[in-house]
Amino acid sequence: VLSAGGESSEIPARPSATLISQARSNGIASRLEGLEDEQAAMQG
């Protein structure tokens, strides 16, 4: 709906349905992303 930060004119990626389901059930949900590619992870 509304976002702030990130690169210019960049819209944050939508959360996964699993993360939304966990947040709806527990009120809060979090996860680590981007660790699949080691080279990209070490580059930030």
PDB file of all heavy atoms in Angstrom:
ATOM      1  N   VAL A   1       0.831  -1.201   0.000  1.00  0.00           N
ATOM      2  CA  VAL A   1       0.000   0.000   0.000  1.00  0.00           C
ATOM      3  C   VAL A   1       0.874   1.263   0.000  1.00  0.00           C
ATOM      4  O   VAL A   1       0.638   2.186  -0.767  1.00  0.00           O
ATOM      5  CB  VAL A   1      -0.942  -0.015   1.229  1.00  0.00           C
ATOM      6  CG1 VAL A   1      -1.782   1.253   1.279  1.00  0.00           C
ATOM      7  CG2 VAL A   1      -1.821  -1.239   1.203  1.00  0.00           C
ATOM      8  N   LEU A   2       1.855   1.308   0.855  1.00  0.00           N
ATOM      9  CA  LEU A   2       2.711   2.491   1.003  1.00  0.00           C
ATOM     10  C   LEU A   2       4.096   2.010   1.438  1.00  0.00           C
ATOM     11  O   LEU A   2       4.197   1.104   2.265  1.00  0.00           O
ATOM     12  CB  LEU A   2       2.122   3.447   2.061  1.00  0.00           C
ATOM     13  CG  LEU A   2       2.850   4.794   2.236  1.00  0.00           C
ATOM     14  CD1 LEU A   2       2.781   5.615   0.945  1.00  0.00           C
ATOM     15  CD2 LEU A   2       2.199   5.586   3.382  1.00  0.00           C
ATOM     16  N   SER A   3       5.156   2.625   0.896  1.00  0.00           N
ATOM     17  CA  SER A   3       6.516   2.176   1.237  1.00  0.00           C
ATOM     18  C   SER A   3       7.457   3.369   1.364  1.00  0.00           C
ATOM     19  O   SER A   3       7.176   4.446   0.832  1.00  0.00           O
ATOM     20  CB  SER A   3       7.049   1.212   0.164  1.00  0.00           C
ATOM     21  OG  SER A   3       7.203   1.914  -1.077  1.00  0.00           O
ATOM     22  N   ALA A   4       8.540   3.132   2.059  1.00  0.00           N
ATOM     23  CA  ALA A   4       9.585   4.152   2.230  1.00  0.00           C
ATOM     24  C   ALA A   4      10.942   3.447   2.227  1.00  0.00           C
ATOM     25  O   ALA A   4      11.100   2.391   2.820  1.00  0.00           O
ATOM     26  CB  ALA A   4       9.390   4.914   3.543  1.00  0.00           C
ATOM     27  N   GLY A   5      11.952   4.069   1.537  1.00  0.00           N
ATOM     28  CA  GLY A   5      13.298   3.484   1.494  1.00  0.00           C
ATOM     29  C   GLY A   5      13.519   2.679   0.249  1.00  0.00           C
ATOM     30  O   GLY A   5      12.699   2.649  -0.676  1.00  0.00           O
ATOM     31  N   GLY A   6      14.626   1.971   0.184  1.00  0.00           N
ATOM     32  CA  GLY A   6      15.000   1.194  -0.994  1.00  0.00           C
ATOM     33  C   GLY A   6      15.571   2.074  -2.072  1.00  0.00           C
ATOM     34  O   GLY A   6      15.840   3.260  -1.885  1.00  0.00           O
ATOM     35  N   GLU A   7      15.808   1.512  -3.217  1.00  0.00           N
ATOM     36  CA  GLU A   7      16.329   2.272  -4.329  1.00  0.00           C
ATOM     37  C   GLU A   7      15.244   3.206  -4.848  1.00  0.00           C
ATOM     38  O   GLU A   7      14.051   3.063  -4.561  1.00  0.00           O
ATOM     39  CB  GLU A   7      16.809   1.339  -5.452  1.00  0.00           C
ATOM     40  CG  GLU A   7      17.914   0.379  -5.026  1.00  0.00           C
ATOM     41  CD  GLU A   7      19.179   1.112  -4.681  1.00  0.00           C
ATOM     42  OE1 GLU A   7      19.375   2.218  -5.246  1.00  0.00           O
ATOM     43  OE2 GLU A   7      19.937   0.600  -3.849  1.00  0.00           O
ATOM     44  N   SER A   8      15.621   4.235  -5.630  1.00  0.00           N
ATOM     45  CA  SER A   8      14.655   5.194  -6.170  1.00  0.00           C
ATOM     46  C   SER A   8      13.670   4.476  -7.082  1.00  0.00           C
ATOM     47  O   SER A   8      14.033   3.633  -7.886  1.00  0.00           O
ATOM     48  CB  SER A   8      15.408   6.287  -6.946  1.00  0.00           C
ATOM     49  OG  SER A   8      16.154   5.731  -7.986  1.00  0.00           O
ATOM     50  N   SER A   9      12.396   4.839  -6.935  1.00  0.00           N
ATOM     51  CA  SER A   9      11.276   4.273  -7.713  1.00  0.00           C
ATOM     52  C   SER A   9      11.198   2.756  -7.586  1.00  0.00           C
ATOM     53  O   SER A   9      10.729   2.072  -8.483  1.00  0.00           O
ATOM     54  CB  SER A   9      11.397   4.674  -9.189  1.00  0.00           C
ATOM     55  OG  SER A   9      12.503   4.048  -9.785  1.00  0.00           O
ATOM     56  N   GLU A  10      11.707   2.198  -6.509  1.00  0.00           N
ATOM     57  CA  GLU A  10      11.661   0.746  -6.317  1.00  0.00           C
ATOM     58  C   GLU A  10      10.565   0.409  -5.309  1.00  0.00           C
ATOM     59  O   GLU A  10      10.503   1.003  -4.219  1.00  0.00           O
ATOM     60  CB  GLU A  10      13.019   0.236  -5.813  1.00  0.00           C
ATOM     61  CG  GLU A  10      13.028  -1.259  -5.559  1.00  0.00           C
ATOM     62  CD  GLU A  10      14.333  -1.736  -4.993  1.00  0.00           C
ATOM     63  OE1 GLU A  10      15.254  -0.903  -4.849  1.00  0.00           O
ATOM     64  OE2 GLU A  10      14.426  -2.934  -4.670  1.00  0.00           O
ATOM     65  N   ILE A  11       9.716  -0.534  -5.656  1.00  0.00           N
ATOM     66  CA  ILE A  11       8.636  -0.983  -4.759  1.00  0.00           C
ATOM     67  C   ILE A  11       9.110  -2.256  -4.082  1.00  0.00           C
ATOM     68  O   ILE A  11       9.591  -3.176  -4.731  1.00  0.00           O
ATOM     69  CB  ILE A  11       7.340  -1.266  -5.555  1.00  0.00           C
ATOM     70  CG1 ILE A  11       6.871   0.040  -6.247  1.00  0.00           C
ATOM     71  CG2 ILE A  11       6.252  -1.809  -4.634  1.00  0.00           C
ATOM     72  CD1 ILE A  11       5.665  -0.152  -7.135  1.00  0.00           C
ATOM     73  N   PRO A  12       9.026  -2.305  -2.736  1.00  0.00           N
ATOM     74  CA  PRO A  12       9.489  -3.505  -2.036  1.00  0.00           C
ATOM     75  C   PRO A  12       8.750  -4.749  -2.530  1.00  0.00           C
ATOM     76  O   PRO A  12       7.579  -4.708  -2.937  1.00  0.00           O
ATOM     77  CB  PRO A  12       9.181  -3.206  -0.574  1.00  0.00           C
ATOM     78  CG  PRO A  12       9.100  -1.709  -0.498  1.00  0.00           C
ATOM     79  CD  PRO A  12       8.530  -1.260  -1.803  1.00  0.00           C
ATOM     80  N   ALA A  13       9.491  -5.878  -2.520  1.00  0.00           N
ATOM     81  CA  ALA A  13       8.890  -7.146  -2.949  1.00  0.00           C
ATOM     82  C   ALA A  13       7.772  -7.554  -1.977  1.00  0.00           C
ATOM     83  O   ALA A  13       7.843  -7.295  -0.763  1.00  0.00           O
ATOM     84  CB  ALA A  13       9.958  -8.216  -3.011  1.00  0.00           C
ATOM     85  N   ARG A  14       6.735  -8.177  -2.528  1.00  0.00           N
ATOM     86  CA  ARG A  14       5.607  -8.630  -1.697  1.00  0.00           C
ATOM     87  C   ARG A  14       6.049  -9.797  -0.825  1.00  0.00           C
ATOM     88  O   ARG A  14       6.829 -10.641  -1.250  1.00  0.00           O
ATOM     89  CB  ARG A  14       4.451  -9.075  -2.596  1.00  0.00           C
ATOM     90  CG  ARG A  14       3.884  -7.935  -3.450  1.00  0.00           C
ATOM     91  CD  ARG A  14       2.817  -8.439  -4.384  1.00  0.00           C
ATOM     92  NE  ARG A  14       1.728  -9.057  -3.627  1.00  0.00           N
ATOM     93  CZ  ARG A  14       0.632  -9.598  -4.194  1.00  0.00           C
ATOM     94  NH1 ARG A  14       0.517  -9.594  -5.510  1.00  0.00           N
ATOM     95  NH2 ARG A  14      -0.313 -10.135  -3.447  1.00  0.00           N
ATOM     96  N   PRO A  15       5.554  -9.832   0.400  1.00  0.00           N
ATOM     97  CA  PRO A  15       5.895 -10.967   1.271  1.00  0.00           C
ATOM     98  C   PRO A  15       5.221 -12.239   0.779  1.00  0.00           C
ATOM     99  O   PRO A  15       4.205 -12.210   0.078  1.00  0.00           O
ATOM    100  CB  PRO A  15       5.395 -10.513   2.638  1.00  0.00           C
ATOM    101  CG  PRO A  15       4.304  -9.558   2.342  1.00  0.00           C
ATOM    102  CD  PRO A  15       4.661  -8.849   1.077  1.00  0.00           C
ATOM    103  N   SER A  16       5.827 -13.337   1.170  1.00  0.00           N
ATOM    104  CA  SER A  16       5.252 -14.622   0.760  1.00  0.00           C
ATOM    105  C   SER A  16       3.965 -14.886   1.541  1.00  0.00           C
ATOM    106  O   SER A  16       3.707 -14.305   2.611  1.00  0.00           O
ATOM    107  CB  SER A  16       6.271 -15.738   1.007  1.00  0.00           C
ATOM    108  OG  SER A  16       6.559 -15.830   2.390  1.00  0.00           O
ATOM    109  N   ALA A  17       3.132 -15.753   0.960  1.00  0.00           N
ATOM    110  CA  ALA A  17       1.853 -16.094   1.612  1.00  0.00           C
ATOM    111  C   ALA A  17       2.091 -16.771   2.953  1.00  0.00           C
ATOM    112  O   ALA A  17       1.317 -16.580   3.915  1.00  0.00           O
ATOM    113  CB  ALA A  17       1.035 -17.000   0.687  1.00  0.00           C
ATOM    114  N   THR A  18       3.189 -17.553   3.064  1.00  0.00           N
ATOM    115  CA  THR A  18       3.491 -18.230   4.330  1.00  0.00           C
ATOM    116  C   THR A  18       3.800 -17.213   5.418  1.00  0.00           C
ATOM    117  O   THR A  18       3.361 -17.341   6.565  1.00  0.00           O
ATOM    118  CB  THR A  18       4.689 -19.168   4.137  1.00  0.00           C
ATOM    119  OG1 THR A  18       4.404 -20.081   3.089  1.00  0.00           O
ATOM    120  CG2 THR A  18       4.991 -19.919   5.413  1.00  0.00           C
ATOM    121  N   LEU A  19       4.587 -16.175   5.058  1.00  0.00           N
ATOM    122  CA  LEU A  19       4.929 -15.154   6.042  1.00  0.00           C
ATOM    123  C   LEU A  19       3.685 -14.391   6.477  1.00  0.00           C
ATOM    124  O   LEU A  19       3.517 -14.062   7.663  1.00  0.00           O
ATOM    125  CB  LEU A  19       5.983 -14.198   5.445  1.00  0.00           C
ATOM    126  CG  LEU A  19       6.645 -13.221   6.418  1.00  0.00           C
ATOM    127  CD1 LEU A  19       7.408 -13.987   7.484  1.00  0.00           C
ATOM    128  CD2 LEU A  19       7.573 -12.266   5.692  1.00  0.00           C
ATOM    129  N   ILE A  20       2.762 -14.103   5.527  1.00  0.00           N
ATOM    130  CA  ILE A  20       1.524 -13.392   5.874  1.00  0.00           C
ATOM    131  C   ILE A  20       0.666 -14.260   6.785  1.00  0.00           C
ATOM    132  O   ILE A  20       0.081 -13.786   7.771  1.00  0.00           O
ATOM    133  CB  ILE A  20       0.775 -13.011   4.591  1.00  0.00           C
ATOM    134  CG1 ILE A  20       1.607 -11.980   3.778  1.00  0.00           C
ATOM    135  CG2 ILE A  20      -0.611 -12.447   4.906  1.00  0.00           C
ATOM    136  CD1 ILE A  20       1.001 -11.640   2.438  1.00  0.00           C
ATOM    137  N   SER A  21       0.587 -15.531   6.487  1.00  0.00           N
ATOM    138  CA  SER A  21      -0.220 -16.451   7.307  1.00  0.00           C
ATOM    139  C   SER A  21       0.318 -16.519   8.728  1.00  0.00           C
ATOM    140  O   SER A  21      -0.444 -16.487   9.701  1.00  0.00           O
ATOM    141  CB  SER A  21      -0.218 -17.841   6.668  1.00  0.00           C
ATOM    142  OG  SER A  21      -0.916 -18.763   7.481  1.00  0.00           O
ATOM    143  N   GLN A  22       1.691 -16.564   8.869  1.00  0.00           N
ATOM    144  CA  GLN A  22       2.285 -16.610  10.201  1.00  0.00           C
ATOM    145  C   GLN A  22       2.038 -15.301  10.950  1.00  0.00           C
ATOM    146  O   GLN A  22       1.754 -15.309  12.164  1.00  0.00           O
ATOM    147  CB  GLN A  22       3.791 -16.869  10.095  1.00  0.00           C
ATOM    148  CG  GLN A  22       4.151 -18.247   9.602  1.00  0.00           C
ATOM    149  CD  GLN A  22       5.646 -18.436   9.443  1.00  0.00           C
ATOM    150  OE1 GLN A  22       6.412 -17.504   9.665  1.00  0.00           O
ATOM    151  NE2 GLN A  22       6.042 -19.656   9.048  1.00  0.00           N
ATOM    152  N   ALA A  23       2.091 -14.186  10.255  1.00  0.00           N
ATOM    153  CA  ALA A  23       1.851 -12.904  10.910  1.00  0.00           C
ATOM    154  C   ALA A  23       0.401 -12.764  11.342  1.00  0.00           C
ATOM    155  O   ALA A  23       0.089 -12.181  12.390  1.00  0.00           O
ATOM    156  CB  ALA A  23       2.237 -11.764   9.962  1.00  0.00           C
ATOM    157  N   ARG A  24      -0.544 -13.305  10.527  1.00  0.00           N
ATOM    158  CA  ARG A  24      -1.959 -13.221  10.875  1.00  0.00           C
ATOM    159  C   ARG A  24      -2.243 -14.089  12.096  1.00  0.00           C
ATOM    160  O   ARG A  24      -3.042 -13.718  12.972  1.00  0.00           O
ATOM    161  CB  ARG A  24      -2.820 -13.671   9.683  1.00  0.00           C
ATOM    162  CG  ARG A  24      -4.331 -13.518   9.956  1.00  0.00           C
ATOM    163  CD  ARG A  24      -5.166 -14.020   8.780  1.00  0.00           C
ATOM    164  NE  ARG A  24      -4.870 -13.254   7.579  1.00  0.00           N
ATOM    165  CZ  ARG A  24      -4.303 -13.754   6.502  1.00  0.00           C
ATOM    166  NH1 ARG A  24      -3.941 -15.034   6.503  1.00  0.00           N
ATOM    167  NH2 ARG A  24      -4.078 -13.008   5.459  1.00  0.00           N
ATOM    168  N   SER A  25      -1.557 -15.229  12.184  1.00  0.00           N
ATOM    169  CA  SER A  25      -1.809 -16.148  13.305  1.00  0.00           C
ATOM    170  C   SER A  25      -1.128 -15.665  14.593  1.00  0.00           C
ATOM    171  O   SER A  25      -1.718 -15.695  15.675  1.00  0.00           O
ATOM    172  CB  SER A  25      -1.320 -17.556  12.955  1.00  0.00           C
ATOM    173  OG  SER A  25      -1.972 -18.028  11.791  1.00  0.00           O
ATOM    174  N   ASN A  26       0.146 -15.215  14.474  1.00  0.00           N
ATOM    175  CA  ASN A  26       0.936 -14.882  15.663  1.00  0.00           C
ATOM    176  C   ASN A  26       1.069 -13.377  15.910  1.00  0.00           C
ATOM    177  O   ASN A  26       1.667 -12.964  16.907  1.00  0.00           O
ATOM    178  CB  ASN A  26       2.334 -15.472  15.550  1.00  0.00           C
ATOM    179  CG  ASN A  26       2.293 -16.987  15.376  1.00  0.00           C
ATOM    180  OD1 ASN A  26       1.423 -17.654  15.947  1.00  0.00           O
ATOM    181  ND2 ASN A  26       3.214 -17.519  14.577  1.00  0.00           N
ATOM    182  N   GLY A  27       0.584 -12.553  14.976  1.00  0.00           N
ATOM    183  CA  GLY A  27       0.720 -11.105  15.122  1.00  0.00           C
ATOM    184  C   GLY A  27       2.072 -10.585  14.633  1.00  0.00           C
ATOM    185  O   GLY A  27       2.228  -9.406  14.380  1.00  0.00           O
ATOM    186  N   ILE A  28       3.047 -11.453  14.476  1.00  0.00           N
ATOM    187  CA  ILE A  28       4.379 -11.054  14.033  1.00  0.00           C
ATOM    188  C   ILE A  28       5.051 -12.263  13.405  1.00  0.00           C
ATOM    189  O   ILE A  28       4.862 -13.402  13.859  1.00  0.00           O
ATOM    190  CB  ILE A  28       5.246 -10.511  15.195  1.00  0.00           C
ATOM    191  CG1 ILE A  28       6.616 -10.025  14.665  1.00  0.00           C
ATOM    192  CG2 ILE A  28       5.443 -11.551  16.269  1.00  0.00           C
ATOM    193  CD1 ILE A  28       6.534  -8.805  13.824  1.00  0.00           C
ATOM    194  N   ALA A  29       5.834 -12.031  12.340  1.00  0.00           N
ATOM    195  CA  ALA A  29       6.582 -13.112  11.688  1.00  0.00           C
ATOM    196  C   ALA A  29       7.821 -12.508  11.037  1.00  0.00           C
ATOM    197  O   ALA A  29       7.792 -11.369  10.562  1.00  0.00           O
ATOM    198  CB  ALA A  29       5.705 -13.820  10.652  1.00  0.00           C
ATOM    199  N   SER A  30       8.914 -13.279  11.005  1.00  0.00           N
ATOM    200  CA  SER A  30      10.173 -12.805  10.382  1.00  0.00           C
ATOM    201  C   SER A  30      10.936 -14.010   9.858  1.00  0.00           C
ATOM    202  O   SER A  30      10.780 -15.121  10.366  1.00  0.00           O
ATOM    203  CB  SER A  30      11.034 -12.024  11.385  1.00  0.00           C
ATOM    204  OG  SER A  30      11.397 -12.858  12.468  1.00  0.00           O
ATOM    205  N   ARG A  31      11.791 -13.736   8.883  1.00  0.00           N
ATOM    206  CA  ARG A  31      12.592 -14.794   8.289  1.00  0.00           C
ATOM    207  C   ARG A  31      13.856 -14.201   7.640  1.00  0.00           C
ATOM    208  O   ARG A  31      13.908 -13.026   7.288  1.00  0.00           O
ATOM    209  CB  ARG A  31      11.773 -15.570   7.258  1.00  0.00           C
ATOM    210  CG  ARG A  31      11.286 -14.701   6.099  1.00  0.00           C
ATOM    211  CD  ARG A  31      10.495 -15.509   5.106  1.00  0.00           C
ATOM    212  NE  ARG A  31      11.342 -16.504   4.475  1.00  0.00           N
ATOM    213  CZ  ARG A  31      10.900 -17.331   3.522  1.00  0.00           C
ATOM    214  NH1 ARG A  31       9.614 -17.286   3.154  1.00  0.00           N
ATOM    215  NH2 ARG A  31      11.718 -18.200   2.980  1.00  0.00           N
ATOM    216  N   LEU A  32      14.904 -15.076   7.464  1.00  0.00           N
ATOM    217  CA  LEU A  32      16.146 -14.696   6.778  1.00  0.00           C
ATOM    218  C   LEU A  32      16.011 -15.005   5.300  1.00  0.00           C
ATOM    219  O   LEU A  32      15.577 -16.101   4.927  1.00  0.00           O
ATOM    220  CB  LEU A  32      17.340 -15.444   7.356  1.00  0.00           C
ATOM    221  CG  LEU A  32      17.709 -15.139   8.810  1.00  0.00           C
ATOM    222  CD1 LEU A  32      18.782 -16.110   9.295  1.00  0.00           C
ATOM    223  CD2 LEU A  32      18.200 -13.714   8.947  1.00  0.00           C
ATOM    224  N   GLU A  33      16.431 -14.089   4.438  1.00  0.00           N
ATOM    225  CA  GLU A  33      16.344 -14.272   2.994  1.00  0.00           C
ATOM    226  C   GLU A  33      17.703 -13.962   2.350  1.00  0.00           C
ATOM    227  O   GLU A  33      18.514 -13.218   2.888  1.00  0.00           O
ATOM    228  CB  GLU A  33      15.286 -13.338   2.411  1.00  0.00           C
ATOM    229  CG  GLU A  33      13.883 -13.585   2.941  1.00  0.00           C
ATOM    230  CD  GLU A  33      12.869 -12.618   2.368  1.00  0.00           C
ATOM    231  OE1 GLU A  33      13.276 -11.665   1.656  1.00  0.00           O
ATOM    232  OE2 GLU A  33      11.680 -12.809   2.630  1.00  0.00           O
ATOM    233  N   GLY A  34      17.929 -14.519   1.161  1.00  0.00           N
ATOM    234  CA  GLY A  34      19.140 -14.206   0.389  1.00  0.00           C
ATOM    235  C   GLY A  34      20.352 -15.028   0.756  1.00  0.00           C
ATOM    236  O   GLY A  34      21.467 -14.705   0.312  1.00  0.00           O
ATOM    237  N   LEU A  35      20.205 -16.092   1.556  1.00  0.00           N
ATOM    238  CA  LEU A  35      21.363 -16.904   1.936  1.00  0.00           C
ATOM    239  C   LEU A  35      21.612 -18.057   0.975  1.00  0.00           C
ATOM    240  O   LEU A  35      22.576 -18.804   1.137  1.00  0.00           O
ATOM    241  CB  LEU A  35      21.181 -17.459   3.350  1.00  0.00           C
ATOM    242  CG  LEU A  35      21.092 -16.416   4.474  1.00  0.00           C
ATOM    243  CD1 LEU A  35      20.855 -17.102   5.813  1.00  0.00           C
ATOM    244  CD2 LEU A  35      22.346 -15.579   4.511  1.00  0.00           C
ATOM    245  N   GLU A  36      20.741 -18.210  -0.015  1.00  0.00           N
ATOM    246  CA  GLU A  36      20.899 -19.328  -0.943  1.00  0.00           C
ATOM    247  C   GLU A  36      22.150 -19.140  -1.822  1.00  0.00           C
ATOM    248  O   GLU A  36      22.877 -20.090  -2.080  1.00  0.00           O
ATOM    249  CB  GLU A  36      19.649 -19.465  -1.832  1.00  0.00           C
ATOM    250  CG  GLU A  36      18.364 -19.779  -1.081  1.00  0.00           C
ATOM    251  CD  GLU A  36      17.762 -18.543  -0.426  1.00  0.00           C
ATOM    252  OE1 GLU A  36      18.250 -17.439  -0.755  1.00  0.00           O
ATOM    253  OE2 GLU A  36      16.852 -18.680   0.397  1.00  0.00           O
ATOM    254  N   ASP A  37      22.366 -17.916  -2.264  1.00  0.00           N
ATOM    255  CA  ASP A  37      23.530 -17.614  -3.112  1.00  0.00           C
ATOM    256  C   ASP A  37      24.633 -17.026  -2.222  1.00  0.00           C
ATOM    257  O   ASP A  37      24.505 -15.901  -1.724  1.00  0.00           O
ATOM    258  CB  ASP A  37      23.142 -16.615  -4.201  1.00  0.00           C
ATOM    259  CG  ASP A  37      24.259 -16.412  -5.217  1.00  0.00           C
ATOM    260  OD1 ASP A  37      25.364 -16.959  -5.008  1.00  0.00           O
ATOM    261  OD2 ASP A  37      24.030 -15.704  -6.216  1.00  0.00           O
ATOM    262  N   GLU A  38      25.734 -17.802  -2.000  1.00  0.00           N
ATOM    263  CA  GLU A  38      26.790 -17.352  -1.084  1.00  0.00           C
ATOM    264  C   GLU A  38      27.479 -16.083  -1.598  1.00  0.00           C
ATOM    265  O   GLU A  38      27.777 -15.172  -0.815  1.00  0.00           O
ATOM    266  CB  GLU A  38      27.843 -18.460  -0.911  1.00  0.00           C
ATOM    267  CG  GLU A  38      27.311 -19.695  -0.218  1.00  0.00           C
ATOM    268  CD  GLU A  38      28.395 -20.738  -0.020  1.00  0.00           C
ATOM    269  OE1 GLU A  38      29.548 -20.486  -0.445  1.00  0.00           O
ATOM    270  OE2 GLU A  38      28.089 -21.788   0.559  1.00  0.00           O
ATOM    271  N   GLN A  39      27.725 -16.033  -2.903  1.00  0.00           N
ATOM    272  CA  GLN A  39      28.404 -14.871  -3.446  1.00  0.00           C
ATOM    273  C   GLN A  39      27.569 -13.616  -3.266  1.00  0.00           C
ATOM    274  O   GLN A  39      28.063 -12.568  -2.838  1.00  0.00           O
ATOM    275  CB  GLN A  39      28.713 -15.107  -4.947  1.00  0.00           C
ATOM    276  CG  GLN A  39      29.585 -14.035  -5.581  1.00  0.00           C
ATOM    277  CD  GLN A  39      30.990 -14.046  -5.025  1.00  0.00           C
ATOM    278  OE1 GLN A  39      31.438 -15.059  -4.527  1.00  0.00           O
ATOM    279  NE2 GLN A  39      31.652 -12.897  -5.085  1.00  0.00           N
ATOM    280  N   ALA A  40      26.260 -13.691  -3.548  1.00  0.00           N
ATOM    281  CA  ALA A  40      25.378 -12.536  -3.389  1.00  0.00           C
ATOM    282  C   ALA A  40      25.223 -12.170  -1.925  1.00  0.00           C
ATOM    283  O   ALA A  40      25.150 -10.984  -1.568  1.00  0.00           O
ATOM    284  CB  ALA A  40      24.006 -12.839  -4.019  1.00  0.00           C
ATOM    285  N   ALA A  41      25.183 -13.183  -1.035  1.00  0.00           N
ATOM    286  CA  ALA A  41      25.023 -12.910   0.395  1.00  0.00           C
ATOM    287  C   ALA A  41      26.226 -12.143   0.926  1.00  0.00           C
ATOM    288  O   ALA A  41      26.084 -11.205   1.715  1.00  0.00           O
ATOM    289  CB  ALA A  41      24.840 -14.224   1.157  1.00  0.00           C
ATOM    290  N   MET A  42      27.458 -12.530   0.507  1.00  0.00           N
ATOM    291  CA  MET A  42      28.654 -11.834   0.984  1.00  0.00           C
ATOM    292  C   MET A  42      28.755 -10.430   0.404  1.00  0.00           C
ATOM    293  O   MET A  42      29.469  -9.581   0.934  1.00  0.00           O
ATOM    294  CB  MET A  42      29.901 -12.647   0.637  1.00  0.00           C
ATOM    295  CG  MET A  42      30.060 -13.897   1.492  1.00  0.00           C
ATOM    296  SD  MET A  42      31.637 -14.738   1.258  1.00  0.00           S
ATOM    297  CE  MET A  42      31.451 -15.319  -0.427  1.00  0.00           C
ATOM    298  N   GLN A  43      28.061 -10.153  -0.701  1.00  0.00           N
ATOM    299  CA  GLN A  43      28.051  -8.821  -1.298  1.00  0.00           C
ATOM    300  C   GLN A  43      26.958  -7.939  -0.734  1.00  0.00           C
ATOM    301  O   GLN A  43      26.730  -6.834  -1.224  1.00  0.00           O
ATOM    302  CB  GLN A  43      27.903  -8.923  -2.819  1.00  0.00           C
ATOM    303  CG  GLN A  43      29.123  -9.550  -3.497  1.00  0.00           C
ATOM    304  CD  GLN A  43      28.945  -9.687  -4.989  1.00  0.00           C
ATOM    305  OE1 GLN A  43      27.870  -9.362  -5.519  1.00  0.00           O
ATOM    306  NE2 GLN A  43      29.979 -10.172  -5.663  1.00  0.00           N
ATOM    307  N   GLY A  44      26.215  -8.392   0.299  1.00  0.00           N
ATOM    308  CA  GLY A  44      25.236  -7.557   0.979  1.00  0.00           C
ATOM    309  C   GLY A  44      23.800  -7.806   0.565  1.00  0.00           C
ATOM    310  O   GLY A  44      22.925  -6.979   0.882  1.00  0.00           O
TER     311      GLY A  44
END
